[in-house]
Protein backbone atom coordinates (compact mmCIF):
# COMPACT_ATOMS: atom_id res chain seq x y z
CA MET A 1 27.14 211.61 157.90
CA ARG A 2 29.82 209.82 155.92
CA ASN A 3 31.39 213.17 154.91
CA GLN A 4 31.84 213.49 159.08
CA THR A 5 33.06 209.93 159.16
CA SER A 6 35.91 211.09 156.45
CA LEU A 7 36.66 213.92 158.03
CA ASN A 8 36.96 212.55 161.97
CA VAL A 9 39.01 209.96 160.05
CA PHE A 10 41.43 212.23 158.49
CA TRP A 11 41.95 214.03 161.53
CA ILE A 12 42.84 211.00 163.53
CA MET A 13 45.25 210.05 161.03
CA VAL A 14 46.74 212.85 161.02
CA LYS A 15 47.22 213.63 165.01
CA ARG A 16 48.69 209.69 164.93
CA ASP A 17 51.37 211.23 162.38
CA LEU A 18 51.93 214.36 163.87
CA LEU A 19 52.24 212.49 167.37
CA ILE A 20 54.80 210.42 165.75
CA GLN A 21 56.40 213.14 164.58
CA TRP A 22 56.25 214.81 168.09
CA ARG A 23 58.38 212.03 170.10
CA ASN A 24 61.13 212.37 167.41
CA TRP A 25 61.26 215.94 167.48
CA ALA A 26 65.01 216.28 168.06
CA GLU A 27 66.08 214.13 164.89
CA PHE A 28 62.82 216.20 162.85
CA ILE A 29 64.83 219.34 163.61
CA PHE A 30 68.64 218.43 162.96
CA ARG A 31 67.30 216.82 159.64
CA VAL A 32 65.28 219.93 158.60
CA VAL A 33 67.67 222.38 159.88
CA MET A 34 71.31 221.28 158.91
CA LEU A 35 71.10 222.25 154.83
CA PRO A 36 69.89 225.46 155.21
CA PHE A 37 72.12 226.10 158.04
CA ILE A 38 75.09 224.64 155.64
CA LEU A 39 73.85 226.85 153.09
CA ILE A 40 73.39 230.27 155.00
CA LEU A 41 76.85 229.63 156.79
CA THR A 42 78.63 228.88 153.51
CA TYR A 43 77.00 231.24 151.17
CA GLY A 44 75.37 233.75 153.48
CA TYR A 45 77.70 234.51 156.05
CA VAL A 46 81.57 233.02 155.38
CA LEU A 47 81.52 233.92 151.66
CA PRO A 48 80.32 237.58 151.40
CA LYS A 49 82.43 238.16 155.09
CA ILE A 50 85.72 237.17 152.62
CA GLY A 51 84.45 239.30 149.62
CA VAL A 52 83.91 236.51 147.52
CA LEU A 53 80.29 237.28 146.97
CA PRO A 54 78.85 240.51 147.46
CA ALA A 55 77.41 241.90 150.70
CA SER A 56 74.12 242.22 149.32
CA PHE A 57 73.98 238.59 148.55
CA PRO A 58 72.60 237.33 151.93
CA ASN A 59 69.44 239.26 151.34
CA ASP A 60 69.22 237.97 147.53
CA LEU A 61 69.53 234.36 149.14
CA PHE A 62 67.66 234.36 152.32
CA PRO A 63 63.51 233.97 149.92
CA GLY A 64 65.49 230.90 148.10
CA MET A 65 66.78 229.54 151.85
CA VAL A 66 63.22 229.25 153.29
CA GLY A 67 61.71 228.16 149.67
CA MET A 68 63.90 225.41 149.78
CA SER A 69 63.61 224.51 153.44
CA LEU A 70 59.49 224.48 153.07
CA LEU A 71 59.91 222.48 149.42
CA ILE A 72 62.35 219.95 150.84
CA THR A 73 60.76 219.30 154.26
CA GLY A 74 57.25 218.67 152.50
CA ILE A 75 58.61 216.47 150.31
CA HIS A 76 60.41 214.07 153.07
CA GLY A 77 57.21 214.92 155.32
CA THR A 78 55.11 213.32 153.05
CA ALA A 79 57.28 210.93 150.71
CA VAL A 80 59.45 209.16 153.37
CA PRO A 81 56.82 207.88 155.74
CA LEU A 82 54.77 207.06 152.64
CA SER A 83 57.43 205.03 151.00
CA MET A 84 58.19 202.98 154.42
CA ASP A 85 54.64 202.44 154.51
CA PHE A 86 53.34 200.74 151.81
CA ASN A 87 56.97 198.61 151.32
CA ASN A 88 57.85 197.94 154.91
CA SER A 89 55.79 198.59 157.58
CA ARG A 90 52.85 197.75 155.99
CA GLU A 91 51.04 200.09 158.44
CA ILE A 92 48.93 201.85 155.92
CA GLU A 93 47.19 198.44 155.25
CA ASP A 94 45.01 199.44 158.66
CA ARG A 95 44.11 203.10 157.38
CA LEU A 96 43.10 201.66 153.97
CA GLN A 97 40.80 199.51 155.68
CA ALA A 98 38.84 201.96 157.09
CA PRO A 99 34.90 203.07 156.23
CA VAL A 100 36.17 205.58 154.72
CA PRO A 101 37.52 206.50 151.40
CA VAL A 102 40.96 205.49 149.75
CA MET A 103 42.28 209.20 149.36
CA VAL A 104 41.32 209.99 152.89
CA THR A 105 44.52 208.47 153.80
CA ALA A 106 46.23 210.15 151.04
CA TRP A 107 44.79 213.56 152.17
CA ALA A 108 46.10 212.70 155.23
CA LYS A 109 49.40 212.38 154.29
CA MET A 110 49.75 215.31 152.62
CA PHE A 111 48.89 217.35 155.35
CA VAL A 112 51.06 216.13 157.31
CA GLY A 113 53.67 217.52 154.87
CA MET A 114 52.02 221.25 154.64
CA ILE A 115 52.32 220.80 158.45
CA GLU A 116 56.11 220.24 158.15
CA SER A 117 56.70 222.16 155.30
CA TRP A 118 55.34 225.49 157.61
CA ILE A 119 57.82 224.34 160.47
CA GLY A 120 60.91 223.77 158.11
CA ALA A 121 60.49 227.18 156.47
CA LEU A 122 59.81 229.05 159.82
CA LEU A 123 63.14 227.26 161.27
CA VAL A 124 64.39 229.03 158.74
CA LEU A 125 64.32 232.58 160.15
CA PRO A 126 66.22 232.12 163.32
CA ILE A 127 69.38 230.76 161.46
CA SER A 128 69.06 233.74 158.52
CA LEU A 129 68.91 236.17 161.38
CA ILE A 130 71.72 234.86 163.09
CA PHE A 131 73.96 234.90 160.17
CA MET A 132 72.63 237.38 157.73
CA GLY A 133 70.14 239.78 160.12
CA GLN A 134 72.40 242.56 159.30
CA SER A 135 72.02 242.19 155.49
CA LEU A 136 68.56 241.32 155.17
CA ARG A 137 66.59 244.27 153.59
CA LEU A 138 62.84 242.76 153.36
CA HIS A 139 60.18 245.02 151.89
CA LEU A 140 56.97 243.51 153.34
CA THR A 141 53.43 245.39 153.37
CA THR A 142 50.66 245.14 154.64
CA GLY A 143 49.21 243.32 151.20
CA ASN A 144 52.56 241.59 151.06
CA ILE A 145 52.35 239.72 154.07
CA PHE A 146 48.40 238.04 153.09
CA LEU A 147 50.18 237.66 149.58
CA LEU A 148 53.36 236.06 151.12
CA LEU A 149 50.81 233.47 153.84
CA LEU A 150 48.49 232.43 150.49
CA ILE A 151 52.73 231.72 148.40
CA LEU A 152 53.46 229.67 151.34
CA LEU A 153 50.16 227.97 151.28
CA LEU A 154 50.40 227.41 147.52
CA SER A 155 53.57 226.05 147.98
CA SER A 156 53.29 224.12 151.24
CA PHE A 157 50.69 222.27 149.08
CA ALA A 158 52.72 221.57 145.98
CA SER A 159 55.48 220.46 148.22
CA ALA A 160 53.07 217.26 149.46
CA ALA A 161 51.85 216.68 146.59
CA LEU A 162 55.23 216.46 144.74
CA GLY A 163 55.94 214.03 147.70
CA LEU A 164 52.89 212.64 147.60
CA LEU A 165 53.82 211.21 143.84
CA VAL A 166 57.71 210.51 145.39
CA GLY A 167 56.67 208.19 148.12
CA THR A 168 54.60 206.69 145.62
CA ILE A 169 57.47 205.79 143.26
CA VAL A 170 60.30 205.70 145.29
CA LYS A 171 61.11 202.35 147.41
CA PRO A 172 62.76 202.38 150.95
CA ASN A 173 66.05 201.09 149.77
CA GLN A 174 66.05 203.75 147.13
CA ILE A 175 65.76 206.99 149.62
CA ALA A 176 69.78 207.46 150.47
CA ALA A 177 69.95 207.61 146.72
CA MET A 178 66.93 210.49 147.09
CA PHE A 179 69.27 213.59 148.32
CA PRO A 180 71.42 213.35 145.47
CA GLY A 181 69.78 211.93 142.50
CA PHE A 182 66.54 214.20 143.14
CA LEU A 183 66.29 216.79 145.68
CA MET A 184 69.93 217.70 144.82
CA PRO A 185 69.24 218.99 141.00
CA VAL A 186 65.92 220.36 142.84
CA ILE A 187 68.24 222.68 145.15
CA PHE A 188 71.06 223.82 142.32
CA THR A 189 68.62 224.60 139.63
CA GLY A 190 65.75 226.11 141.55
CA ALA A 191 66.59 229.77 141.84
CA ILE A 192 68.31 229.84 145.68
CA PHE A 193 71.87 231.44 144.39
CA PHE A 194 70.69 233.39 141.55
CA SER A 195 67.14 234.93 139.86
CA TRP A 196 65.24 233.29 136.89
CA SER A 197 65.90 236.59 135.36
CA ALA A 198 69.84 236.65 135.93
CA LEU A 199 69.98 233.20 133.78
CA VAL A 200 69.09 235.71 130.66
CA LYS A 201 72.74 235.30 129.02
CA LEU A 202 71.85 231.15 129.43
CA PRO A 203 68.77 230.91 127.04
CA PHE A 204 68.41 227.37 127.27
CA TYR A 205 69.76 226.73 130.96
CA GLN A 206 66.66 229.31 131.51
CA ILE A 207 64.41 227.04 129.63
CA LEU A 208 65.15 223.90 131.25
CA VAL A 209 64.96 225.30 134.86
CA LEU A 210 61.42 226.04 134.31
CA VAL A 211 60.73 222.32 135.00
CA ASN A 212 61.82 222.86 138.40
CA PRO A 213 58.74 223.99 140.43
CA LEU A 214 61.24 225.11 143.48
CA VAL A 215 61.94 228.10 140.76
CA TYR A 216 58.81 229.37 140.68
CA ILE A 217 58.20 229.05 144.58
CA ASN A 218 61.53 230.96 144.80
CA GLU A 219 60.67 233.48 142.34
CA ALA A 220 57.32 234.42 143.86
CA LEU A 221 58.73 234.97 147.40
CA ARG A 222 61.81 236.95 146.12
CA HIS A 223 59.04 239.28 144.46
CA THR A 224 56.90 239.34 147.41
CA MET A 225 59.74 239.89 150.19
CA LEU A 226 62.24 241.89 148.50
CA GLY A 227 59.84 243.64 145.74
CA VAL A 228 63.11 243.72 142.85
CA GLY A 229 61.79 243.84 139.52
CA ASN A 230 63.94 241.12 137.83
CA ALA A 231 62.17 238.51 139.78
CA MET A 232 59.96 236.78 137.76
CA PRO A 233 56.42 238.56 137.01
CA LEU A 234 53.84 237.23 139.93
CA THR A 235 51.02 236.08 138.50
CA TYR A 236 53.81 233.65 135.82
CA SER A 237 54.81 232.43 139.60
CA LEU A 238 51.67 231.85 140.74
CA ILE A 239 50.79 230.37 137.67
CA GLY A 240 53.83 228.15 138.27
CA ILE A 241 53.32 226.73 140.97
CA LEU A 242 49.50 226.05 140.77
CA ALA A 243 50.26 224.08 137.21
CA PHE A 244 52.59 221.98 139.46
CA THR A 245 50.60 221.08 142.18
CA ILE A 246 47.81 220.09 140.09
CA LEU A 247 50.17 218.10 137.35
CA MET A 248 51.90 216.15 140.73
CA GLY A 249 48.68 216.00 142.59
CA VAL A 250 46.84 214.26 139.81
CA LEU A 251 49.69 212.23 139.11
CA GLY A 252 50.39 211.20 142.86
CA MET A 253 46.54 210.45 143.39
CA ARG A 254 46.59 208.18 140.75
CA ARG A 255 50.04 206.40 142.07
CA PHE A 256 48.80 206.37 145.14
CA ARG A 257 45.19 204.96 144.45
CA LYS A 258 46.99 201.74 141.83
CA MET A 259 49.04 200.89 145.23
CA ALA A 260 46.30 201.07 147.47
CA VAL A 261 44.03 198.74 145.70
CA ARG A 262 46.99 196.12 144.64
């Protein structure tokens, strides 16, 4: 009976947050699309067209754009509302008083972030087809499609877990600094514009970027979408995604519980 109550409360929380996002759908789409649009326009269209980058570069860029949009959207969709709830509106206090375990609220926040991360990844597709469609040479078999869906699911979970952790650390007055101070380093060291194996000439940097979960997400997507041999071995990529998800999830849940009972 209690499990059924927790599930009902979970879905009520999820529906409420999704309804709020639906009411602000234009702002959501603008926020999610603008960064991928600029990067795809510049690195996927303009620079290859004028010969600064090779004509094949958009094909290598595409998996990174999907992974970046998924991760950044999931982090933002979980962290920002959570930070505002805990520090400004205090709206979360009403949820914490519900007759269910405290962590139901955390799971609801993460689930909404996961849904938003999938939407962020999907919104990249039409932009990529418009500007890079002629350069895309994807190698997707039936088996790879199921594997791709699994990778996207694991990656959305990782993005929500990281968003939960960030949301319990960053205060609302620090959100403006989150993009240049946290998200930009994640983006430009996340194997979007290069494969991890291409860093072999920079061994120190190749090891350093392994602290970035986006590297494992993009390498797994690159391996599945392009079928290239120079991507990180898929087993290592999946282990990296799972390890970061567990680590960030455990730390985020602990932080959430600590803030919920303070």
